[in-house]
Amino acid sequence: MVKKFSTLAGAFAAILMSAGASHAADDLVFTLINKTKGTLERFYTSPEGVDNWEEDVFGDDVLEPGQSIKITIRDGRRTCKYDMRFEFSEDSKLEDMEDTQDFCKMGTYTLHQ
């Protein structure tokens, strides 16, 4: 009985590990580079055609001029095209920007003034 349970537990663990590995392969990863003179305070994404923005990707963080950050989108969706919204600090005097990109093909995204 113990051996049977051990075999079942091992099989279940293997299934969970393979599910996690396939889920990680679906993550969309790119590097966001801020080459503006302003502080990027908020960064929103949502799949193309969705009317609402998802939560701010940065949370409490910001992206200062000259900095870069690795972005990982783990929303479980099987789409590549995303709308993006960039909001700068008020003292930056930069207007907010929006764009649409194919995250599956994008390795880096650079913000310019």
N, C-alpha and C. Protein backbone atom coordinates (compact mmCIF):
# COMPACT_ATOMS: atom_id res chain seq x y z
N MET A 1 0.83 -1.19 0.00
CA MET A 1 0.00 0.00 0.00
C MET A 1 0.87 1.26 0.00
N VAL A 2 1.93 1.27 0.79
CA VAL A 2 2.80 2.42 0.86
C VAL A 2 3.49 2.63 -0.48
N LYS A 3 3.92 1.52 -1.10
CA LYS A 3 4.60 1.63 -2.39
C LYS A 3 3.65 2.20 -3.45
N LYS A 4 2.40 1.77 -3.44
CA LYS A 4 1.42 2.25 -4.40
C LYS A 4 1.20 3.76 -4.22
N PHE A 5 1.08 4.21 -2.96
CA PHE A 5 0.90 5.63 -2.67
C PHE A 5 2.12 6.43 -3.12
N SER A 6 3.31 5.88 -2.87
CA SER A 6 4.55 6.55 -3.26
C SER A 6 4.62 6.70 -4.78
N THR A 7 4.22 5.68 -5.51
CA THR A 7 4.23 5.73 -6.97
C THR A 7 3.24 6.78 -7.47
N LEU A 8 2.05 6.80 -6.88
CA LEU A 8 1.05 7.79 -7.27
C LEU A 8 1.52 9.21 -6.94
N ALA A 9 2.13 9.40 -5.80
CA ALA A 9 2.62 10.71 -5.41
C ALA A 9 3.72 11.18 -6.37
N GLY A 10 4.60 10.26 -6.77
CA GLY A 10 5.65 10.59 -7.73
C GLY A 10 5.08 10.98 -9.08
N ALA A 11 4.08 10.25 -9.54
CA ALA A 11 3.45 10.57 -10.82
C ALA A 11 2.76 11.93 -10.76
N PHE A 12 2.08 12.21 -9.65
CA PHE A 12 1.41 13.48 -9.48
C PHE A 12 2.43 14.63 -9.48
N ALA A 13 3.54 14.43 -8.79
CA ALA A 13 4.59 15.46 -8.76
C ALA A 13 5.15 15.71 -10.15
N ALA A 14 5.32 14.67 -10.93
CA ALA A 14 5.84 14.82 -12.30
C ALA A 14 4.86 15.61 -13.16
N ILE A 15 3.58 15.36 -12.98
CA ILE A 15 2.55 16.10 -13.73
C ILE A 15 2.60 17.57 -13.35
N LEU A 16 2.70 17.87 -12.06
CA LEU A 16 2.77 19.26 -11.61
C LEU A 16 4.01 19.96 -12.15
N MET A 17 5.14 19.28 -12.15
CA MET A 17 6.37 19.88 -12.65
C MET A 17 6.28 20.17 -14.14
N SER A 18 5.70 19.24 -14.90
CA SER A 18 5.60 19.47 -16.34
C SER A 18 4.59 20.58 -16.63
N ALA A 19 3.53 20.69 -15.84
CA ALA A 19 2.56 21.77 -16.02
C ALA A 19 3.22 23.11 -15.72
N GLY A 20 4.05 23.16 -14.70
CA GLY A 20 4.77 24.39 -14.38
C GLY A 20 5.75 24.77 -15.46
N ALA A 21 6.42 23.79 -16.03
CA ALA A 21 7.38 24.06 -17.09
C ALA A 21 6.69 24.57 -18.34
N SER A 22 5.55 23.99 -18.69
CA SER A 22 4.86 24.46 -19.88
C SER A 22 4.26 25.84 -19.64
N HIS A 23 3.84 26.12 -18.42
CA HIS A 23 3.31 27.44 -18.10
C HIS A 23 4.41 28.50 -18.22
N ALA A 24 5.62 28.17 -17.74
CA ALA A 24 6.73 29.11 -17.82
C ALA A 24 7.08 29.41 -19.27
N ALA A 25 6.91 28.45 -20.15
CA ALA A 25 7.21 28.66 -21.57
C ALA A 25 6.23 29.65 -22.19
N ASP A 26 5.05 29.80 -21.60
CA ASP A 26 4.03 30.72 -22.11
C ASP A 26 4.24 32.15 -21.61
N ASP A 27 5.15 32.36 -20.67
CA ASP A 27 5.41 33.71 -20.17
C ASP A 27 5.97 34.58 -21.29
N LEU A 28 5.58 35.83 -21.29
CA LEU A 28 6.09 36.80 -22.26
C LEU A 28 7.13 37.66 -21.55
N VAL A 29 8.36 37.66 -22.05
CA VAL A 29 9.45 38.33 -21.37
C VAL A 29 10.14 39.30 -22.33
N PHE A 30 10.38 40.51 -21.86
CA PHE A 30 11.14 41.50 -22.64
C PHE A 30 11.78 42.49 -21.68
N THR A 31 12.73 43.26 -22.19
CA THR A 31 13.40 44.28 -21.40
C THR A 31 12.87 45.64 -21.81
N LEU A 32 12.43 46.42 -20.83
CA LEU A 32 11.94 47.77 -21.04
C LEU A 32 13.06 48.75 -20.68
N ILE A 33 13.41 49.64 -21.62
CA ILE A 33 14.50 50.59 -21.43
C ILE A 33 13.94 52.01 -21.48
N ASN A 34 14.28 52.81 -20.48
CA ASN A 34 13.81 54.20 -20.42
C ASN A 34 14.94 55.13 -20.87
N LYS A 35 14.90 55.55 -22.14
CA LYS A 35 15.89 56.50 -22.65
C LYS A 35 15.31 57.91 -22.75
N THR A 36 14.28 58.18 -21.95
CA THR A 36 13.73 59.53 -21.88
C THR A 36 14.44 60.27 -20.75
N LYS A 37 14.08 61.52 -20.56
CA LYS A 37 14.62 62.30 -19.45
C LYS A 37 13.65 62.33 -18.28
N GLY A 38 12.61 61.50 -18.34
CA GLY A 38 11.60 61.49 -17.29
C GLY A 38 11.51 60.15 -16.57
N THR A 39 10.95 60.20 -15.38
CA THR A 39 10.74 59.00 -14.58
C THR A 39 9.43 58.34 -15.00
N LEU A 40 9.51 57.08 -15.39
CA LEU A 40 8.32 56.32 -15.74
C LEU A 40 7.72 55.77 -14.44
N GLU A 41 6.54 56.27 -14.08
CA GLU A 41 5.93 55.89 -12.80
C GLU A 41 5.00 54.69 -12.91
N ARG A 42 4.29 54.59 -14.04
CA ARG A 42 3.33 53.50 -14.19
C ARG A 42 3.42 52.91 -15.60
N PHE A 43 3.28 51.59 -15.67
CA PHE A 43 3.31 50.87 -16.94
C PHE A 43 2.17 49.86 -16.92
N TYR A 44 1.25 50.02 -17.86
CA TYR A 44 0.08 49.15 -17.95
C TYR A 44 0.12 48.36 -19.25
N THR A 45 -0.39 47.16 -19.22
CA THR A 45 -0.56 46.36 -20.43
C THR A 45 -1.95 45.74 -20.40
N SER A 46 -2.41 45.38 -21.57
CA SER A 46 -3.61 44.55 -21.70
C SER A 46 -3.58 43.96 -23.10
N PRO A 47 -4.15 42.77 -23.26
CA PRO A 47 -4.19 42.19 -24.59
C PRO A 47 -4.90 43.13 -25.57
N GLU A 48 -4.44 43.16 -26.79
CA GLU A 48 -5.04 44.01 -27.80
C GLU A 48 -6.53 43.74 -27.90
N GLY A 49 -7.34 44.79 -27.93
CA GLY A 49 -8.78 44.66 -28.05
C GLY A 49 -9.52 44.62 -26.72
N VAL A 50 -8.80 44.50 -25.59
CA VAL A 50 -9.43 44.53 -24.27
C VAL A 50 -9.59 45.99 -23.88
N ASP A 51 -10.78 46.37 -23.40
CA ASP A 51 -11.08 47.77 -23.14
C ASP A 51 -10.48 48.34 -21.86
N ASN A 52 -10.05 47.50 -20.94
CA ASN A 52 -9.54 47.97 -19.66
C ASN A 52 -8.06 47.64 -19.53
N TRP A 53 -7.33 48.52 -18.83
CA TRP A 53 -5.93 48.25 -18.54
C TRP A 53 -5.84 47.28 -17.38
N GLU A 54 -4.84 46.40 -17.43
CA GLU A 54 -4.55 45.50 -16.31
C GLU A 54 -3.90 46.35 -15.20
N GLU A 55 -3.50 45.71 -14.10
CA GLU A 55 -2.86 46.43 -13.01
C GLU A 55 -1.52 47.00 -13.45
N ASP A 56 -1.06 48.04 -12.76
CA ASP A 56 0.24 48.64 -13.02
C ASP A 56 1.33 47.58 -12.83
N VAL A 57 2.11 47.34 -13.88
CA VAL A 57 3.15 46.31 -13.84
C VAL A 57 4.21 46.65 -12.80
N PHE A 58 4.51 47.93 -12.60
CA PHE A 58 5.56 48.35 -11.68
C PHE A 58 5.18 48.22 -10.21
N GLY A 59 3.90 48.29 -9.89
CA GLY A 59 3.51 48.31 -8.48
C GLY A 59 4.05 49.57 -7.83
N ASP A 60 4.91 49.43 -6.82
CA ASP A 60 5.48 50.57 -6.11
C ASP A 60 6.79 51.07 -6.75
N ASP A 61 7.30 50.36 -7.75
CA ASP A 61 8.57 50.73 -8.38
C ASP A 61 8.37 51.78 -9.46
N VAL A 62 9.47 52.39 -9.88
CA VAL A 62 9.50 53.33 -11.01
C VAL A 62 10.71 52.97 -11.86
N LEU A 63 10.75 53.52 -13.08
CA LEU A 63 11.88 53.31 -13.96
C LEU A 63 12.49 54.68 -14.27
N GLU A 64 13.65 54.93 -13.69
CA GLU A 64 14.33 56.21 -13.84
C GLU A 64 14.97 56.32 -15.23
N PRO A 65 15.27 57.56 -15.68
CA PRO A 65 15.96 57.74 -16.96
C PRO A 65 17.25 56.92 -17.01
N GLY A 66 17.47 56.24 -18.14
CA GLY A 66 18.68 55.44 -18.32
C GLY A 66 18.60 54.04 -17.75
N GLN A 67 17.56 53.73 -16.99
CA GLN A 67 17.44 52.40 -16.39
C GLN A 67 16.68 51.45 -17.31
N SER A 68 16.85 50.16 -17.05
CA SER A 68 16.08 49.14 -17.76
C SER A 68 15.57 48.12 -16.74
N ILE A 69 14.54 47.40 -17.14
CA ILE A 69 13.95 46.40 -16.26
C ILE A 69 13.43 45.24 -17.10
N LYS A 70 13.59 44.04 -16.58
CA LYS A 70 13.06 42.85 -17.25
C LYS A 70 11.59 42.71 -16.86
N ILE A 71 10.73 42.65 -17.86
CA ILE A 71 9.29 42.53 -17.64
C ILE A 71 8.85 41.11 -18.02
N THR A 72 8.10 40.47 -17.14
CA THR A 72 7.54 39.16 -17.42
C THR A 72 6.03 39.24 -17.27
N ILE A 73 5.32 38.91 -18.34
CA ILE A 73 3.85 38.89 -18.32
C ILE A 73 3.43 37.44 -18.16
N ARG A 74 2.79 37.15 -17.03
CA ARG A 74 2.31 35.79 -16.71
C ARG A 74 0.81 35.83 -16.51
N ASP A 75 0.08 36.14 -17.56
CA ASP A 75 -1.36 36.24 -17.37
C ASP A 75 -2.12 35.01 -17.86
N GLY A 76 -1.40 34.01 -18.36
CA GLY A 76 -2.05 32.77 -18.77
C GLY A 76 -2.77 32.84 -20.11
N ARG A 77 -2.75 33.99 -20.74
CA ARG A 77 -3.42 34.12 -22.03
C ARG A 77 -2.51 33.60 -23.14
N ARG A 78 -3.11 33.19 -24.22
CA ARG A 78 -2.34 32.70 -25.37
C ARG A 78 -2.40 33.70 -26.51
N THR A 79 -2.03 34.92 -26.21
CA THR A 79 -2.00 35.98 -27.21
C THR A 79 -0.64 36.67 -27.13
N CYS A 80 -0.22 37.25 -28.21
CA CYS A 80 1.07 37.93 -28.25
C CYS A 80 0.95 39.44 -28.35
N LYS A 81 -0.12 39.93 -28.97
CA LYS A 81 -0.26 41.38 -29.18
C LYS A 81 -0.89 42.04 -27.95
N TYR A 82 -0.15 43.02 -27.43
CA TYR A 82 -0.58 43.73 -26.23
C TYR A 82 -0.54 45.24 -26.46
N ASP A 83 -1.50 45.92 -25.87
CA ASP A 83 -1.48 47.38 -25.80
C ASP A 83 -0.66 47.74 -24.56
N MET A 84 0.07 48.86 -24.65
CA MET A 84 0.88 49.32 -23.52
C MET A 84 0.58 50.79 -23.27
N ARG A 85 0.61 51.17 -22.02
CA ARG A 85 0.43 52.57 -21.63
C ARG A 85 1.56 52.93 -20.65
N PHE A 86 2.24 54.04 -20.94
CA PHE A 86 3.35 54.52 -20.13
C PHE A 86 2.97 55.86 -19.53
N GLU A 87 3.05 55.97 -18.21
CA GLU A 87 2.72 57.22 -17.52
C GLU A 87 3.94 57.72 -16.77
N PHE A 88 4.32 58.96 -17.06
CA PHE A 88 5.51 59.58 -16.48
C PHE A 88 5.14 60.44 -15.29
N SER A 89 6.13 60.71 -14.43
CA SER A 89 5.91 61.58 -13.28
C SER A 89 5.54 62.97 -13.79
N GLU A 90 4.78 63.67 -12.99
CA GLU A 90 4.30 65.01 -13.37
C GLU A 90 5.45 65.97 -13.62
N ASP A 91 6.50 65.90 -12.80
CA ASP A 91 7.63 66.81 -12.96
C ASP A 91 8.49 66.47 -14.20
N SER A 92 8.23 65.32 -14.83
CA SER A 92 8.95 64.96 -16.05
C SER A 92 8.52 65.82 -17.24
N LYS A 93 7.31 66.32 -17.16
CA LYS A 93 6.72 67.13 -18.23
C LYS A 93 6.67 66.37 -19.56
N LEU A 94 6.52 65.06 -19.47
CA LEU A 94 6.35 64.22 -20.66
C LEU A 94 4.90 63.74 -20.72
N GLU A 95 4.36 63.72 -21.91
CA GLU A 95 3.00 63.21 -22.07
C GLU A 95 3.00 61.69 -21.98
N ASP A 96 1.89 61.14 -21.48
CA ASP A 96 1.75 59.70 -21.44
C ASP A 96 1.77 59.16 -22.86
N MET A 97 2.25 57.93 -23.00
CA MET A 97 2.36 57.32 -24.33
C MET A 97 1.64 55.98 -24.34
N GLU A 98 1.16 55.61 -25.51
CA GLU A 98 0.54 54.29 -25.71
C GLU A 98 1.09 53.68 -26.99
N ASP A 99 1.14 52.36 -27.04
CA ASP A 99 1.62 51.65 -28.20
C ASP A 99 1.06 50.22 -28.15
N THR A 100 1.14 49.53 -29.28
CA THR A 100 0.76 48.12 -29.37
C THR A 100 1.93 47.37 -29.98
N GLN A 101 2.29 46.24 -29.37
CA GLN A 101 3.42 45.45 -29.84
C GLN A 101 3.12 43.96 -29.73
N ASP A 102 3.85 43.17 -30.50
CA ASP A 102 3.80 41.72 -30.42
C ASP A 102 4.87 41.28 -29.43
N PHE A 103 4.47 40.95 -28.21
CA PHE A 103 5.42 40.59 -27.16
C PHE A 103 6.18 39.31 -27.49
N CYS A 104 5.62 38.43 -28.31
CA CYS A 104 6.29 37.18 -28.66
C CYS A 104 7.52 37.44 -29.53
N LYS A 105 7.52 38.54 -30.26
CA LYS A 105 8.63 38.86 -31.15
C LYS A 105 9.55 39.94 -30.58
N MET A 106 9.19 40.50 -29.46
CA MET A 106 9.90 41.65 -28.92
C MET A 106 10.87 41.21 -27.82
N GLY A 107 12.14 41.50 -28.00
CA GLY A 107 13.13 41.21 -26.96
C GLY A 107 13.36 42.40 -26.05
N THR A 108 13.32 43.61 -26.67
CA THR A 108 13.46 44.85 -25.89
C THR A 108 12.49 45.88 -26.44
N TYR A 109 12.13 46.81 -25.58
CA TYR A 109 11.32 47.95 -25.97
C TYR A 109 11.95 49.17 -25.34
N THR A 110 12.29 50.17 -26.18
CA THR A 110 12.97 51.36 -25.70
C THR A 110 12.07 52.57 -25.84
N LEU A 111 11.91 53.30 -24.74
CA LEU A 111 11.15 54.55 -24.74
C LEU A 111 12.10 55.70 -25.08
N HIS A 112 11.70 56.50 -26.06
CA HIS A 112 12.45 57.69 -26.47
C HIS A 112 11.54 58.89 -26.32
N GLN A 113 12.10 60.07 -26.19
CA GLN A 113 11.31 61.30 -26.15
C GLN A 113 10.87 61.69 -27.52
